[in-house]
Amino acid sequence: MIRYDLTCRKDHRFEGWFASSTAYDLQSNGGEIACPVCNSRKVAKAPMAPSVARSPSIKSGTKALTPGAMRAALVELRRHVETNAENVGDGFADEARAIHHGEAEDRPIYGDTSTAEGEALAEEGINVARIPWVPVGDA
């Protein structure tokens, strides 16, 4: 796995993990990488400090997640969202706008929307985020 610091056209900084530099290039060229803040697909590598190996005597406060642990965390995230938010399905963008403009009850929602609608919501100042929606089965 390789970690890159990334930035979008609106200068939001975030990190991405990829199987290899080739995997990053393929995803980047295919427009598959999006900013988690504004959903912009115009993403580039940001300058980053090199990783320096530590002495074994220095203990780190964090451990790298295995793919299985990462998947389990995403399944738990999905369960949390499904338990604590209302699924508005394909009407997500319209409902998010209605909540933002005070035309609907302010509450946590989730649902589906296109990439273009997600970008339009972000440009309107409506705070939304895409999350990886992994299947719950075989968790």
N, C-alpha and C. Protein backbone atom coordinates (compact mmCIF):
# COMPACT_ATOMS: atom_id res chain seq x y z
N MET A 1 0.85 -1.18 0.00
CA MET A 1 0.00 0.00 0.00
C MET A 1 0.89 1.24 0.00
N ILE A 2 0.41 2.26 -0.68
CA ILE A 2 1.13 3.52 -0.73
C ILE A 2 0.13 4.64 -0.39
N ARG A 3 0.59 5.60 0.40
CA ARG A 3 -0.26 6.72 0.81
C ARG A 3 0.22 7.98 0.12
N TYR A 4 -0.72 8.71 -0.45
CA TYR A 4 -0.42 10.00 -1.05
C TYR A 4 -1.23 11.08 -0.36
N ASP A 5 -0.60 12.23 -0.13
CA ASP A 5 -1.34 13.42 0.26
C ASP A 5 -1.89 14.00 -1.03
N LEU A 6 -3.19 14.30 -1.03
CA LEU A 6 -3.84 14.79 -2.24
C LEU A 6 -4.48 16.15 -1.97
N THR A 7 -4.72 16.89 -3.02
CA THR A 7 -5.40 18.18 -2.92
C THR A 7 -6.33 18.32 -4.11
N CYS A 8 -7.46 19.00 -3.88
CA CYS A 8 -8.41 19.21 -4.96
C CYS A 8 -8.26 20.64 -5.48
N ARG A 9 -9.07 20.97 -6.47
CA ARG A 9 -8.99 22.31 -7.08
C ARG A 9 -9.36 23.41 -6.12
N LYS A 10 -10.04 23.08 -5.02
CA LYS A 10 -10.40 24.07 -4.01
C LYS A 10 -9.44 24.05 -2.82
N ASP A 11 -8.29 23.40 -3.01
CA ASP A 11 -7.23 23.31 -2.01
C ASP A 11 -7.62 22.56 -0.74
N HIS A 12 -8.59 21.64 -0.83
CA HIS A 12 -8.86 20.75 0.30
C HIS A 12 -7.79 19.67 0.27
N ARG A 13 -7.16 19.43 1.42
CA ARG A 13 -6.12 18.40 1.50
C ARG A 13 -6.69 17.16 2.15
N PHE A 14 -6.33 16.00 1.62
CA PHE A 14 -6.76 14.73 2.17
C PHE A 14 -5.76 13.67 1.74
N GLU A 15 -5.88 12.48 2.30
CA GLU A 15 -4.95 11.44 1.92
C GLU A 15 -5.69 10.31 1.24
N GLY A 16 -4.97 9.59 0.40
CA GLY A 16 -5.52 8.44 -0.29
C GLY A 16 -4.55 7.28 -0.20
N TRP A 17 -5.08 6.09 -0.07
CA TRP A 17 -4.27 4.87 0.00
C TRP A 17 -4.51 4.06 -1.28
N PHE A 18 -3.43 3.61 -1.89
CA PHE A 18 -3.51 2.90 -3.16
C PHE A 18 -2.62 1.66 -3.11
N ALA A 19 -2.99 0.66 -3.87
CA ALA A 19 -2.21 -0.58 -3.91
C ALA A 19 -0.81 -0.33 -4.46
N SER A 20 -0.68 0.63 -5.36
CA SER A 20 0.61 0.95 -5.97
C SER A 20 0.50 2.32 -6.65
N SER A 21 1.64 2.83 -7.11
CA SER A 21 1.59 4.11 -7.83
C SER A 21 0.84 3.94 -9.14
N THR A 22 0.92 2.76 -9.75
CA THR A 22 0.17 2.49 -10.97
C THR A 22 -1.33 2.52 -10.70
N ALA A 23 -1.75 1.96 -9.55
CA ALA A 23 -3.17 1.98 -9.19
C ALA A 23 -3.64 3.42 -9.03
N TYR A 24 -2.82 4.27 -8.41
CA TYR A 24 -3.19 5.69 -8.29
C TYR A 24 -3.35 6.31 -9.67
N ASP A 25 -2.37 6.08 -10.56
CA ASP A 25 -2.42 6.67 -11.90
C ASP A 25 -3.69 6.23 -12.65
N LEU A 26 -4.04 4.95 -12.57
CA LEU A 26 -5.23 4.45 -13.25
C LEU A 26 -6.49 5.10 -12.70
N GLN A 27 -6.60 5.19 -11.37
CA GLN A 27 -7.78 5.79 -10.76
C GLN A 27 -7.84 7.28 -11.05
N SER A 28 -6.70 7.95 -10.98
CA SER A 28 -6.66 9.39 -11.24
C SER A 28 -7.06 9.69 -12.69
N ASN A 29 -6.46 8.97 -13.63
CA ASN A 29 -6.77 9.18 -15.05
C ASN A 29 -8.21 8.81 -15.38
N GLY A 30 -8.79 7.89 -14.61
CA GLY A 30 -10.17 7.47 -14.84
C GLY A 30 -11.19 8.34 -14.12
N GLY A 31 -10.73 9.38 -13.41
CA GLY A 31 -11.64 10.27 -12.69
C GLY A 31 -12.34 9.59 -11.52
N GLU A 32 -11.68 8.58 -10.94
CA GLU A 32 -12.29 7.82 -9.86
C GLU A 32 -11.94 8.34 -8.48
N ILE A 33 -11.09 9.34 -8.39
CA ILE A 33 -10.70 9.89 -7.09
C ILE A 33 -11.45 11.21 -6.90
N ALA A 34 -12.12 11.34 -5.75
CA ALA A 34 -12.90 12.55 -5.49
C ALA A 34 -12.55 13.11 -4.12
N CYS A 35 -12.57 14.41 -4.01
CA CYS A 35 -12.34 15.09 -2.73
C CYS A 35 -13.49 14.73 -1.78
N PRO A 36 -13.18 14.30 -0.55
CA PRO A 36 -14.24 13.96 0.39
C PRO A 36 -14.99 15.18 0.92
N VAL A 37 -14.46 16.38 0.72
CA VAL A 37 -15.11 17.60 1.20
C VAL A 37 -16.07 18.16 0.16
N CYS A 38 -15.58 18.35 -1.08
CA CYS A 38 -16.40 19.01 -2.10
C CYS A 38 -16.73 18.10 -3.28
N ASN A 39 -16.22 16.87 -3.27
CA ASN A 39 -16.48 15.87 -4.30
C ASN A 39 -15.86 16.22 -5.66
N SER A 40 -14.93 17.17 -5.68
CA SER A 40 -14.26 17.54 -6.93
C SER A 40 -13.45 16.36 -7.43
N ARG A 41 -13.47 16.15 -8.73
CA ARG A 41 -12.68 15.08 -9.36
C ARG A 41 -11.34 15.61 -9.86
N LYS A 42 -11.10 16.92 -9.71
CA LYS A 42 -9.81 17.51 -10.11
C LYS A 42 -8.88 17.42 -8.92
N VAL A 43 -8.19 16.29 -8.83
CA VAL A 43 -7.35 15.96 -7.68
C VAL A 43 -5.92 15.74 -8.16
N ALA A 44 -4.96 16.21 -7.37
CA ALA A 44 -3.55 16.02 -7.70
C ALA A 44 -2.79 15.66 -6.44
N LYS A 45 -1.63 15.08 -6.62
CA LYS A 45 -0.77 14.78 -5.48
C LYS A 45 -0.26 16.10 -4.89
N ALA A 46 -0.26 16.17 -3.58
CA ALA A 46 0.26 17.34 -2.89
C ALA A 46 1.68 17.03 -2.42
N PRO A 47 2.51 18.06 -2.24
CA PRO A 47 3.84 17.80 -1.68
C PRO A 47 3.70 17.18 -0.30
N MET A 48 4.55 16.21 -0.02
CA MET A 48 4.48 15.55 1.28
C MET A 48 5.87 15.20 1.76
N ALA A 49 6.00 15.15 3.07
CA ALA A 49 7.28 14.79 3.67
C ALA A 49 7.51 13.29 3.50
N PRO A 50 8.75 12.89 3.29
CA PRO A 50 9.01 11.45 3.15
C PRO A 50 8.81 10.74 4.49
N SER A 51 8.43 9.48 4.40
CA SER A 51 8.32 8.66 5.61
C SER A 51 9.71 8.26 6.04
N VAL A 52 9.95 8.35 7.32
CA VAL A 52 11.24 7.99 7.87
C VAL A 52 11.03 6.82 8.82
N ALA A 53 11.80 5.77 8.62
CA ALA A 53 11.66 4.59 9.48
C ALA A 53 12.07 4.95 10.90
N ARG A 54 11.33 4.42 11.85
CA ARG A 54 11.63 4.68 13.25
C ARG A 54 12.40 3.51 13.85
N SER A 55 13.06 3.82 14.91
CA SER A 55 13.76 2.78 15.65
C SER A 55 12.70 1.87 16.29
N PRO A 56 12.96 0.56 16.38
CA PRO A 56 11.99 -0.33 17.00
C PRO A 56 11.68 0.04 18.45
N SER A 57 12.55 0.79 19.10
CA SER A 57 12.32 1.15 20.49
C SER A 57 11.28 2.27 20.63
N ILE A 58 10.97 2.97 19.51
CA ILE A 58 9.98 4.03 19.55
C ILE A 58 8.62 3.41 19.27
N LYS A 59 7.70 3.58 20.19
CA LYS A 59 6.37 3.00 20.03
C LYS A 59 5.45 4.01 19.37
N SER A 60 4.72 3.54 18.41
CA SER A 60 3.76 4.38 17.71
C SER A 60 2.40 4.25 18.37
N GLY A 61 1.65 5.35 18.40
CA GLY A 61 0.33 5.32 18.99
C GLY A 61 -0.71 4.76 18.05
N THR A 62 -0.36 4.53 16.78
CA THR A 62 -1.32 4.01 15.82
C THR A 62 -0.77 2.78 15.13
N LYS A 63 -1.69 1.94 14.71
CA LYS A 63 -1.30 0.76 13.95
C LYS A 63 -1.94 0.85 12.57
N ALA A 64 -1.25 0.31 11.59
CA ALA A 64 -1.83 0.27 10.25
C ALA A 64 -2.98 -0.73 10.25
N LEU A 65 -4.07 -0.37 9.61
CA LEU A 65 -5.21 -1.28 9.52
C LEU A 65 -4.97 -2.31 8.44
N THR A 66 -5.29 -3.54 8.74
CA THR A 66 -5.26 -4.58 7.72
C THR A 66 -6.48 -4.37 6.82
N PRO A 67 -6.46 -4.91 5.62
CA PRO A 67 -7.65 -4.77 4.76
C PRO A 67 -8.92 -5.30 5.44
N GLY A 68 -8.81 -6.39 6.18
CA GLY A 68 -9.98 -6.93 6.88
C GLY A 68 -10.48 -5.99 7.96
N ALA A 69 -9.57 -5.37 8.70
CA ALA A 69 -9.96 -4.43 9.75
C ALA A 69 -10.56 -3.17 9.14
N MET A 70 -10.02 -2.74 8.00
CA MET A 70 -10.55 -1.56 7.33
C MET A 70 -11.98 -1.84 6.85
N ARG A 71 -12.19 -3.02 6.27
CA ARG A 71 -13.52 -3.39 5.81
C ARG A 71 -14.50 -3.46 6.98
N ALA A 72 -14.06 -4.03 8.09
CA ALA A 72 -14.92 -4.12 9.27
C ALA A 72 -15.29 -2.73 9.77
N ALA A 73 -14.35 -1.79 9.72
CA ALA A 73 -14.63 -0.42 10.15
C ALA A 73 -15.65 0.23 9.20
N LEU A 74 -15.53 -0.03 7.90
CA LEU A 74 -16.49 0.53 6.94
C LEU A 74 -17.88 -0.09 7.11
N VAL A 75 -17.94 -1.38 7.44
CA VAL A 75 -19.22 -2.03 7.71
C VAL A 75 -19.85 -1.40 8.94
N GLU A 76 -19.04 -1.15 9.97
CA GLU A 76 -19.55 -0.51 11.19
C GLU A 76 -20.04 0.91 10.88
N LEU A 77 -19.32 1.64 10.04
CA LEU A 77 -19.75 2.98 9.63
C LEU A 77 -21.11 2.90 8.93
N ARG A 78 -21.26 1.94 8.03
CA ARG A 78 -22.53 1.79 7.32
C ARG A 78 -23.66 1.50 8.30
N ARG A 79 -23.43 0.58 9.23
CA ARG A 79 -24.46 0.26 10.22
C ARG A 79 -24.83 1.49 11.06
N HIS A 80 -23.83 2.28 11.42
CA HIS A 80 -24.08 3.49 12.20
C HIS A 80 -24.96 4.47 11.41
N VAL A 81 -24.62 4.67 10.15
CA VAL A 81 -25.39 5.59 9.31
C VAL A 81 -26.82 5.08 9.16
N GLU A 82 -26.97 3.79 8.87
CA GLU A 82 -28.30 3.22 8.67
C GLU A 82 -29.15 3.30 9.94
N THR A 83 -28.51 3.21 11.10
CA THR A 83 -29.22 3.26 12.37
C THR A 83 -29.60 4.69 12.75
N ASN A 84 -28.75 5.65 12.40
CA ASN A 84 -28.92 7.01 12.91
C ASN A 84 -29.35 8.05 11.89
N ALA A 85 -29.60 7.64 10.66
CA ALA A 85 -30.00 8.60 9.62
C ALA A 85 -31.13 8.01 8.79
N GLU A 86 -31.86 8.88 8.13
CA GLU A 86 -32.99 8.47 7.30
C GLU A 86 -32.53 8.27 5.86
N ASN A 87 -32.89 7.14 5.28
CA ASN A 87 -32.57 6.87 3.88
C ASN A 87 -33.61 7.56 3.01
N VAL A 88 -33.17 8.58 2.26
CA VAL A 88 -34.07 9.30 1.36
C VAL A 88 -33.88 8.86 -0.08
N GLY A 89 -33.09 7.82 -0.30
CA GLY A 89 -32.92 7.22 -1.63
C GLY A 89 -32.43 8.20 -2.67
N ASP A 90 -33.06 8.11 -3.86
CA ASP A 90 -32.64 8.95 -4.99
C ASP A 90 -32.99 10.42 -4.80
N GLY A 91 -33.79 10.74 -3.81
CA GLY A 91 -34.16 12.13 -3.55
C GLY A 91 -33.18 12.85 -2.65
N PHE A 92 -31.97 12.29 -2.50
CA PHE A 92 -31.00 12.87 -1.56
C PHE A 92 -30.70 14.34 -1.84
N ALA A 93 -30.37 14.68 -3.08
CA ALA A 93 -29.98 16.07 -3.40
C ALA A 93 -31.12 17.03 -3.09
N ASP A 94 -32.34 16.68 -3.49
CA ASP A 94 -33.49 17.57 -3.23
C ASP A 94 -33.73 17.72 -1.73
N GLU A 95 -33.64 16.62 -0.99
CA GLU A 95 -33.89 16.68 0.45
C GLU A 95 -32.78 17.46 1.17
N ALA A 96 -31.52 17.28 0.74
CA ALA A 96 -30.40 18.03 1.33
C ALA A 96 -30.60 19.53 1.12
N ARG A 97 -31.04 19.91 -0.08
CA ARG A 97 -31.32 21.33 -0.36
C ARG A 97 -32.46 21.85 0.52
N ALA A 98 -33.51 21.05 0.65
CA ALA A 98 -34.66 21.47 1.46
C ALA A 98 -34.25 21.67 2.92
N ILE A 99 -33.43 20.78 3.44
CA ILE A 99 -32.95 20.92 4.82
C ILE A 99 -32.08 22.17 4.93
N HIS A 100 -31.19 22.35 3.98
CA HIS A 100 -30.27 23.50 4.00
C HIS A 100 -31.03 24.82 3.98
N HIS A 101 -32.12 24.88 3.23
CA HIS A 101 -32.89 26.12 3.10
C HIS A 101 -34.01 26.24 4.13
N GLY A 102 -34.06 25.31 5.09
CA GLY A 102 -35.06 25.37 6.15
C GLY A 102 -36.45 24.97 5.71
N GLU A 103 -36.57 24.31 4.57
CA GLU A 103 -37.86 23.90 4.04
C GLU A 103 -38.26 22.49 4.50
N ALA A 104 -37.31 21.79 5.15
CA ALA A 104 -37.57 20.45 5.67
C ALA A 104 -36.89 20.35 7.03
N GLU A 105 -37.37 19.40 7.83
CA GLU A 105 -36.82 19.19 9.16
C GLU A 105 -35.32 18.88 9.08
N ASP A 106 -34.54 19.53 9.93
CA ASP A 106 -33.10 19.29 10.00
C ASP A 106 -32.86 17.95 10.68
N ARG A 107 -32.30 17.01 9.95
CA ARG A 107 -32.06 15.66 10.46
C ARG A 107 -30.98 15.01 9.63
N PRO A 108 -30.34 13.98 10.17
CA PRO A 108 -29.33 13.27 9.36
C PRO A 108 -30.02 12.42 8.29
N ILE A 109 -29.52 12.51 7.08
CA ILE A 109 -30.06 11.74 5.96
C ILE A 109 -28.93 11.08 5.19
N TYR A 110 -29.28 10.06 4.44
CA TYR A 110 -28.35 9.47 3.48
C TYR A 110 -29.16 8.99 2.30
N GLY A 111 -28.48 8.78 1.18
CA GLY A 111 -29.16 8.32 -0.02
C GLY A 111 -28.21 8.35 -1.20
N ASP A 112 -28.78 8.38 -2.37
CA ASP A 112 -28.00 8.32 -3.61
C ASP A 112 -28.12 9.62 -4.39
N THR A 113 -27.03 9.99 -5.04
CA THR A 113 -27.05 11.13 -5.94
C THR A 113 -25.92 10.97 -6.95
N SER A 114 -26.01 11.64 -8.04
CA SER A 114 -24.96 11.56 -9.05
C SER A 114 -23.75 12.39 -8.61
N THR A 115 -22.64 12.15 -9.26
CA THR A 115 -21.44 12.93 -8.98
C THR A 115 -21.69 14.40 -9.28
N ALA A 116 -22.38 14.67 -10.38
CA ALA A 116 -22.66 16.07 -10.75
C ALA A 116 -23.53 16.75 -9.69
N GLU A 117 -24.54 16.05 -9.19
CA GLU A 117 -25.40 16.62 -8.14
C GLU A 117 -24.60 16.84 -6.86
N GLY A 118 -23.73 15.90 -6.52
CA GLY A 118 -22.89 16.06 -5.32
C GLY A 118 -22.01 17.29 -5.43
N GLU A 119 -21.43 17.50 -6.61
CA GLU A 119 -20.59 18.68 -6.83
C GLU A 119 -21.43 19.96 -6.77
N ALA A 120 -22.65 19.91 -7.31
CA ALA A 120 -23.53 21.08 -7.28
C ALA A 120 -23.90 21.42 -5.84
N LEU A 121 -24.18 20.41 -5.02
CA LEU A 121 -24.50 20.65 -3.61
C LEU A 121 -23.32 21.33 -2.92
N ALA A 122 -22.12 20.82 -3.15
CA ALA A 122 -20.92 21.40 -2.53
C ALA A 122 -20.73 22.85 -2.97
N GLU A 123 -20.94 23.13 -4.26
CA GLU A 123 -20.79 24.50 -4.77
C GLU A 123 -21.83 25.44 -4.17
N GLU A 124 -22.98 24.90 -3.78
CA GLU A 124 -24.03 25.71 -3.15
C GLU A 124 -23.78 25.89 -1.66
N GLY A 125 -22.70 25.30 -1.15
CA GLY A 125 -22.37 25.42 0.26
C GLY A 125 -23.11 24.43 1.15
N ILE A 126 -23.66 23.39 0.55
CA ILE A 126 -24.38 22.36 1.29
C ILE A 126 -23.39 21.26 1.63
N ASN A 127 -23.17 21.06 2.91
CA ASN A 127 -22.14 20.16 3.39
C ASN A 127 -22.59 18.71 3.29
N VAL A 128 -22.07 17.98 2.30
CA VAL A 128 -22.35 16.57 2.12
C VAL A 128 -21.03 15.83 1.92
N ALA A 129 -21.07 14.53 2.12
CA ALA A 129 -19.87 13.73 1.92
C ALA A 129 -20.24 12.36 1.36
N ARG A 130 -19.39 11.84 0.52
CA ARG A 130 -19.57 10.47 0.02
C ARG A 130 -18.79 9.55 0.95
N ILE A 131 -19.39 8.41 1.24
CA ILE A 131 -18.68 7.42 2.05
C ILE A 131 -18.68 6.09 1.29
N PRO A 132 -17.64 5.29 1.47
CA PRO A 132 -17.62 3.98 0.82
C PRO A 132 -18.72 3.11 1.41
N TRP A 133 -19.60 2.61 0.57
CA TRP A 133 -20.78 1.85 1.02
C TRP A 133 -20.53 0.38 0.75
N VAL A 134 -19.87 -0.29 1.69
CA VAL A 134 -19.52 -1.70 1.50
C VAL A 134 -20.70 -2.59 1.86
N PRO A 135 -20.83 -3.73 1.19
CA PRO A 135 -21.89 -4.68 1.55
C PRO A 135 -21.69 -5.18 2.98
N VAL A 136 -22.79 -5.36 3.71
CA VAL A 136 -22.71 -5.79 5.10
C VAL A 136 -22.47 -7.29 5.19
N GLY A 137 -22.95 -8.07 4.26
CA GLY A 137 -22.81 -9.53 4.29
C GLY A 137 -21.36 -9.98 4.35
N ASP A 138 -21.12 -11.11 4.97
CA ASP A 138 -19.78 -11.69 5.11
C ASP A 138 -18.83 -10.78 5.87
N ALA A 139 -19.34 -9.99 6.81
CA ALA A 139 -18.50 -9.05 7.55
C ALA A 139 -17.61 -9.72 8.56
